[in-house]
Amino acid sequence: MKITKLLGLALCLLLVQGISLAQQKPTVQSYPKDAPKSVAFIGNSFFYFNNGIISNLGPMVAEGMKGAPLRQSMITISGSGFDWHDVDSYFRPNAIGKYSFDAQNNVVMNPAQKPLFDAAILMDCSQCPIHPQMKSVFTEYAKKHSDTVKRHGSVPVFFMSWAYKDKPEMTIPLADAYTAAGNENGVLVIPVGLAFAKSIASKPDLELYAPDKRHPSVAGTYLSAATTYATLFNQSPVGLKYNAGLSPEVALYLQQVAYDTVKEYQKR
């Protein structure tokens, strides 16, 4: 094993061990209403890689919460940050979510509902919350977008993204930024970045990244969905049979990491 890899793993271990001391305690620790029946993921390619986070979250909900309806949409722009999105326009009537496709690929017209989405999950660009030139934009638009979502009667949720594979030192600053924004705006935070760090510290050979060291592998997307499931629905994903093509052992490991991360983050 190369020295640089050893140093990276050592740093990751230190980050995970220091998280409880480094982070603010999230003031919103659970979804504030009944489980959402419709969710919009507003962000970038971190959401849509590997056929999208929704292709993993949907089966988890269908299996773990039998009979619970869930309509999902991904509203994503490649490389985008908070300020690229016109969130207000996503809630216009009879637009996004007007129809969907059933299991036989038939177009199904969805009944009009208000709000258009029960929950809007928001993620900034992968560096923006901690970038010297863009972190002020993150703070500004975290408030602007959460206010917009609330004005439309929906619930905003922040999706804490992960560090790059070769820059594990991003973990704590990203977690700090998202936790602070969540506390300032009264918004629940999904601690996916901390779940990545926890998994890497325990099982460093399980690849969570695409070759670019930034986007998620299938395992990374699965971990993201499991962490979202545990946070948004206050349910444990541990034991779900759906595995996204991963081995049952790997899926179970990632489910446990997701659940443990959420509980540790919320109870700090």
Protein backbone atom coordinates (compact mmCIF):
# COMPACT_ATOMS: atom_id res chain seq x y z
CA MET A 1 0.00 0.00 0.00
CA LYS A 2 1.36 3.40 -0.96
CA ILE A 3 2.34 5.86 1.74
CA THR A 4 -0.09 8.45 0.35
CA LYS A 5 -2.97 5.98 0.64
CA LEU A 6 -1.99 5.14 4.20
CA LEU A 7 -1.88 8.82 5.08
CA GLY A 8 -5.26 9.36 3.47
CA LEU A 9 -6.83 6.51 5.45
CA ALA A 10 -5.24 7.74 8.66
CA LEU A 11 -6.64 11.21 8.05
CA CYS A 12 -10.07 9.78 7.35
CA LEU A 13 -9.99 7.85 10.64
CA LEU A 14 -9.04 11.00 12.51
CA LEU A 15 -11.87 12.89 10.83
CA VAL A 16 -14.44 10.29 11.80
CA GLN A 17 -13.15 10.15 15.39
CA GLY A 18 -13.22 13.94 15.65
CA ILE A 19 -16.63 14.51 14.11
CA SER A 20 -18.49 14.52 17.42
CA LEU A 21 -16.20 17.25 18.69
CA ALA A 22 -15.97 19.26 15.48
CA GLN A 23 -19.61 19.51 14.51
CA GLN A 24 -22.47 21.58 15.73
CA LYS A 25 -25.42 19.59 16.97
CA PRO A 26 -28.22 19.63 14.39
CA THR A 27 -31.28 21.32 15.87
CA VAL A 28 -33.71 19.61 13.47
CA GLN A 29 -33.33 15.89 14.08
CA SER A 30 -36.28 14.39 12.25
CA TYR A 31 -38.62 15.11 9.38
CA PRO A 32 -41.15 17.58 10.81
CA LYS A 33 -44.31 16.13 9.24
CA ASP A 34 -45.77 12.78 8.28
CA ALA A 35 -43.62 10.79 5.87
CA PRO A 36 -43.45 12.59 2.51
CA LYS A 37 -45.42 11.09 -0.36
CA SER A 38 -43.66 13.16 -3.02
CA VAL A 39 -40.03 14.28 -3.11
CA ALA A 40 -37.99 16.49 -5.44
CA PHE A 41 -34.20 16.15 -5.54
CA ILE A 42 -32.81 19.52 -6.63
CA GLY A 43 -29.11 19.50 -7.36
CA ASN A 44 -26.53 18.14 -9.76
CA SER A 45 -24.85 15.01 -11.13
CA PHE A 46 -24.23 13.61 -7.64
CA PHE A 47 -27.97 12.83 -7.70
CA TYR A 48 -28.27 11.44 -11.23
CA PHE A 49 -25.24 9.14 -11.48
CA ASN A 50 -25.97 5.38 -11.64
CA ASN A 51 -29.53 5.88 -12.88
CA GLY A 52 -30.18 8.28 -10.03
CA ILE A 53 -30.66 8.20 -6.30
CA ILE A 54 -34.41 7.80 -6.84
CA SER A 55 -33.92 4.40 -8.52
CA ASN A 56 -32.49 3.21 -5.18
CA LEU A 57 -34.70 5.09 -2.75
CA GLY A 58 -37.92 4.00 -4.45
CA PRO A 59 -37.33 0.25 -4.01
CA MET A 60 -36.21 0.81 -0.42
CA VAL A 61 -39.45 2.59 0.42
CA ALA A 62 -41.56 0.04 -1.49
CA GLU A 63 -39.99 -2.81 0.48
CA GLY A 64 -39.51 -1.23 3.88
CA MET A 65 -42.75 0.78 4.01
CA LYS A 66 -45.16 -1.45 2.12
CA GLY A 67 -48.07 0.47 0.66
CA ALA A 68 -46.52 3.88 1.28
CA PRO A 69 -46.81 6.03 -1.86
CA LEU A 70 -43.74 7.86 -3.09
CA ARG A 71 -43.53 10.03 -6.20
CA GLN A 72 -40.02 11.28 -6.96
CA SER A 73 -38.47 13.75 -9.39
CA MET A 74 -34.85 14.72 -9.97
CA ILE A 75 -34.37 18.33 -11.03
CA THR A 76 -30.66 18.42 -11.77
CA ILE A 77 -28.13 20.47 -13.74
CA SER A 78 -24.67 19.05 -14.31
CA GLY A 79 -22.08 20.84 -12.18
CA SER A 80 -24.67 23.11 -10.66
CA GLY A 81 -24.68 24.98 -7.39
CA PHE A 82 -27.55 26.41 -5.37
CA ASP A 83 -27.55 29.65 -7.37
CA TRP A 84 -28.06 27.87 -10.71
CA HIS A 85 -31.54 26.71 -9.74
CA ASP A 86 -34.74 28.74 -10.01
CA VAL A 87 -36.48 26.79 -7.26
CA ASP A 88 -39.59 28.97 -7.32
CA SER A 89 -40.29 27.91 -10.92
CA TYR A 90 -40.19 24.23 -9.96
CA PHE A 91 -43.40 24.66 -7.99
CA ARG A 92 -45.48 26.14 -10.78
CA PRO A 93 -48.83 24.35 -11.20
CA ASN A 94 -49.30 21.55 -13.72
CA ALA A 95 -45.62 21.31 -14.57
CA ILE A 96 -43.05 19.05 -12.88
CA GLY A 97 -44.75 15.87 -11.68
CA LYS A 98 -47.87 16.39 -13.82
CA TYR A 99 -47.56 12.84 -15.11
CA SER A 100 -45.46 9.73 -14.54
CA PHE A 101 -45.00 6.24 -16.00
CA ASP A 102 -46.36 3.01 -14.56
CA ALA A 103 -44.67 -0.41 -14.55
CA GLN A 104 -45.97 -1.06 -18.09
CA ASN A 105 -44.58 2.30 -19.32
CA ASN A 106 -48.01 3.85 -19.64
CA VAL A 107 -48.33 7.58 -19.03
CA VAL A 108 -50.32 8.20 -15.87
CA MET A 109 -51.68 11.66 -15.13
CA ASN A 110 -51.08 12.54 -11.49
CA PRO A 111 -53.79 14.36 -9.56
CA ALA A 112 -53.02 17.98 -8.83
CA GLN A 113 -51.71 18.52 -5.34
CA LYS A 114 -50.56 21.41 -3.24
CA PRO A 115 -47.76 21.58 -2.44
CA LEU A 116 -46.46 20.08 -5.65
CA PHE A 117 -43.84 18.21 -3.58
CA ASP A 118 -44.06 17.35 0.10
CA ALA A 119 -40.28 17.61 0.43
CA ALA A 120 -37.55 19.30 -1.61
CA ILE A 121 -34.06 17.89 -1.06
CA LEU A 122 -31.42 20.48 -1.91
CA MET A 123 -27.70 20.02 -2.58
CA ASP A 124 -25.11 22.64 -3.54
CA CYS A 125 -22.11 21.93 -5.78
CA SER A 126 -19.51 19.62 -4.27
CA GLN A 127 -17.10 22.41 -3.28
CA CYS A 128 -19.39 25.43 -3.02
CA PRO A 129 -20.20 25.32 0.72
CA ILE A 130 -16.48 25.51 1.60
CA HIS A 131 -14.96 27.30 -1.41
CA PRO A 132 -13.50 30.73 -0.51
CA GLN A 133 -15.32 32.45 -3.37
CA MET A 134 -18.61 30.55 -3.18
CA LYS A 135 -19.34 29.74 0.45
CA SER A 136 -21.14 33.05 0.93
CA VAL A 137 -23.37 32.13 -2.02
CA PHE A 138 -24.11 28.81 -0.33
CA THR A 139 -25.23 30.61 2.82
CA GLU A 140 -27.31 33.12 0.86
CA TYR A 141 -29.09 30.55 -1.28
CA ALA A 142 -29.57 28.04 1.53
CA LYS A 143 -31.81 30.66 3.11
CA LYS A 144 -33.36 31.83 -0.15
CA HIS A 145 -34.27 28.33 -1.34
CA SER A 146 -35.46 27.05 2.02
CA ASP A 147 -37.69 30.13 2.34
CA THR A 148 -39.04 29.53 -1.16
CA VAL A 149 -39.79 25.87 -0.49
CA LYS A 150 -41.55 26.73 2.78
CA ARG A 151 -43.58 29.46 1.07
CA HIS A 152 -44.95 26.82 -1.29
CA GLY A 153 -46.01 24.67 1.66
CA SER A 154 -43.26 22.11 1.18
CA VAL A 155 -40.46 20.98 3.52
CA PRO A 156 -36.85 21.83 2.58
CA VAL A 157 -34.16 19.28 3.38
CA PHE A 158 -30.40 19.72 2.88
CA PHE A 159 -28.31 16.89 1.43
CA MET A 160 -24.81 16.95 2.93
CA SER A 161 -22.44 15.86 0.15
CA TRP A 162 -19.18 13.97 0.57
CA ALA A 163 -15.44 14.68 0.33
CA TYR A 164 -13.51 13.80 -2.81
CA LYS A 165 -11.72 10.47 -2.66
CA ASP A 166 -8.29 12.08 -2.57
CA LYS A 167 -9.36 14.97 -0.29
CA PRO A 168 -10.89 13.42 2.85
CA GLU A 169 -10.10 16.64 4.68
CA MET A 170 -13.20 18.10 3.00
CA THR A 171 -15.46 15.97 5.23
CA ILE A 172 -15.61 18.07 8.37
CA PRO A 173 -15.84 21.51 6.67
CA LEU A 174 -18.69 20.26 4.47
CA ALA A 175 -20.48 18.75 7.46
CA ASP A 176 -19.98 21.99 9.40
CA ALA A 177 -21.35 24.09 6.56
CA TYR A 178 -24.47 22.00 6.02
CA THR A 179 -25.17 21.64 9.73
CA ALA A 180 -24.82 25.38 10.25
CA ALA A 181 -27.12 26.11 7.30
CA GLY A 182 -29.64 23.59 8.60
CA ASN A 183 -29.61 25.17 12.05
CA GLU A 184 -29.87 28.71 10.70
CA ASN A 185 -32.86 27.85 8.53
CA GLY A 186 -34.61 25.22 10.63
CA VAL A 187 -33.93 22.52 8.03
CA LEU A 188 -33.26 18.80 8.41
CA VAL A 189 -29.87 17.63 7.08
CA ILE A 190 -29.16 14.22 5.50
CA PRO A 191 -25.57 13.38 6.62
CA VAL A 192 -24.41 11.50 3.53
CA GLY A 193 -20.90 12.96 3.66
CA LEU A 194 -20.42 11.57 7.15
CA ALA A 195 -21.72 8.18 5.99
CA PHE A 196 -19.07 8.11 3.24
CA ALA A 197 -16.34 8.90 5.77
CA LYS A 198 -17.62 6.27 8.19
CA SER A 199 -17.72 3.58 5.50
CA ILE A 200 -14.23 4.41 4.23
CA ALA A 201 -12.80 4.33 7.74
CA SER A 202 -14.23 0.85 8.38
CA LYS A 203 -13.93 -0.71 4.93
CA PRO A 204 -11.48 1.33 2.81
CA ASP A 205 -11.40 -1.18 -0.04
CA LEU A 206 -15.11 -0.81 -0.75
CA GLU A 207 -15.14 1.66 -3.64
CA LEU A 208 -17.66 4.47 -3.15
CA TYR A 209 -16.34 6.62 -6.01
CA ALA A 210 -16.35 6.69 -9.78
CA PRO A 211 -12.89 6.87 -11.43
CA ASP A 212 -12.97 10.69 -11.31
CA LYS A 213 -12.71 10.48 -7.47
CA ARG A 214 -15.71 12.77 -7.13
CA HIS A 215 -18.91 11.17 -8.36
CA PRO A 216 -20.43 8.11 -6.65
CA SER A 217 -20.00 4.51 -7.68
CA VAL A 218 -23.06 2.24 -7.50
CA ALA A 219 -22.14 1.55 -3.87
CA GLY A 220 -21.87 5.30 -3.24
CA THR A 221 -25.30 5.97 -4.69
CA TYR A 222 -26.74 3.07 -2.69
CA LEU A 223 -25.22 4.48 0.52
CA SER A 224 -26.65 7.91 -0.34
CA ALA A 225 -30.13 6.43 -0.80
CA ALA A 226 -29.93 4.38 2.40
CA THR A 227 -28.87 7.45 4.39
CA THR A 228 -31.71 9.44 2.83
CA TYR A 229 -34.17 6.65 3.67
CA ALA A 230 -33.05 6.54 7.31
CA THR A 231 -33.20 10.34 7.67
CA LEU A 232 -36.31 11.22 5.71
CA PHE A 233 -38.55 8.35 6.82
CA ASN A 234 -37.02 7.70 10.26
CA GLN A 235 -36.71 4.04 9.31
CA SER A 236 -33.81 1.62 9.52
CA PRO A 237 -32.73 0.30 6.12
CA VAL A 238 -30.91 -2.60 7.80
CA GLY A 239 -32.18 -5.90 6.44
CA LEU A 240 -33.75 -4.62 3.22
CA LYS A 241 -33.35 -7.15 0.41
CA TYR A 242 -33.02 -4.56 -2.35
CA ASN A 243 -29.29 -4.30 -3.13
CA ALA A 244 -28.92 -2.44 -6.48
CA GLY A 245 -26.91 -5.35 -7.85
CA LEU A 246 -24.39 -5.27 -5.01
CA SER A 247 -23.68 -8.40 -3.03
CA PRO A 248 -26.07 -8.94 -0.10
CA GLU A 249 -23.11 -8.59 2.28
CA VAL A 250 -22.06 -5.22 0.85
CA ALA A 251 -25.63 -3.94 0.80
CA LEU A 252 -26.14 -4.93 4.43
CA TYR A 253 -22.89 -3.24 5.42
CA LEU A 254 -23.89 0.00 3.70
CA GLN A 255 -27.36 -0.13 5.25
CA GLN A 256 -25.81 -0.40 8.70
CA VAL A 257 -23.36 2.43 8.01
CA ALA A 258 -26.23 4.65 6.83
CA TYR A 259 -28.39 3.95 9.88
CA ASP A 260 -25.55 4.29 12.38
CA THR A 261 -24.41 7.57 10.81
CA VAL A 262 -27.87 9.10 10.97
CA LYS A 263 -28.39 8.12 14.60
CA GLU A 264 -24.93 9.33 15.63
CA TYR A 265 -25.38 12.62 13.79
CA GLN A 266 -28.80 13.32 15.26
CA LYS A 267 -27.86 12.41 18.83
CA ARG A 268 -24.59 14.37 19.12
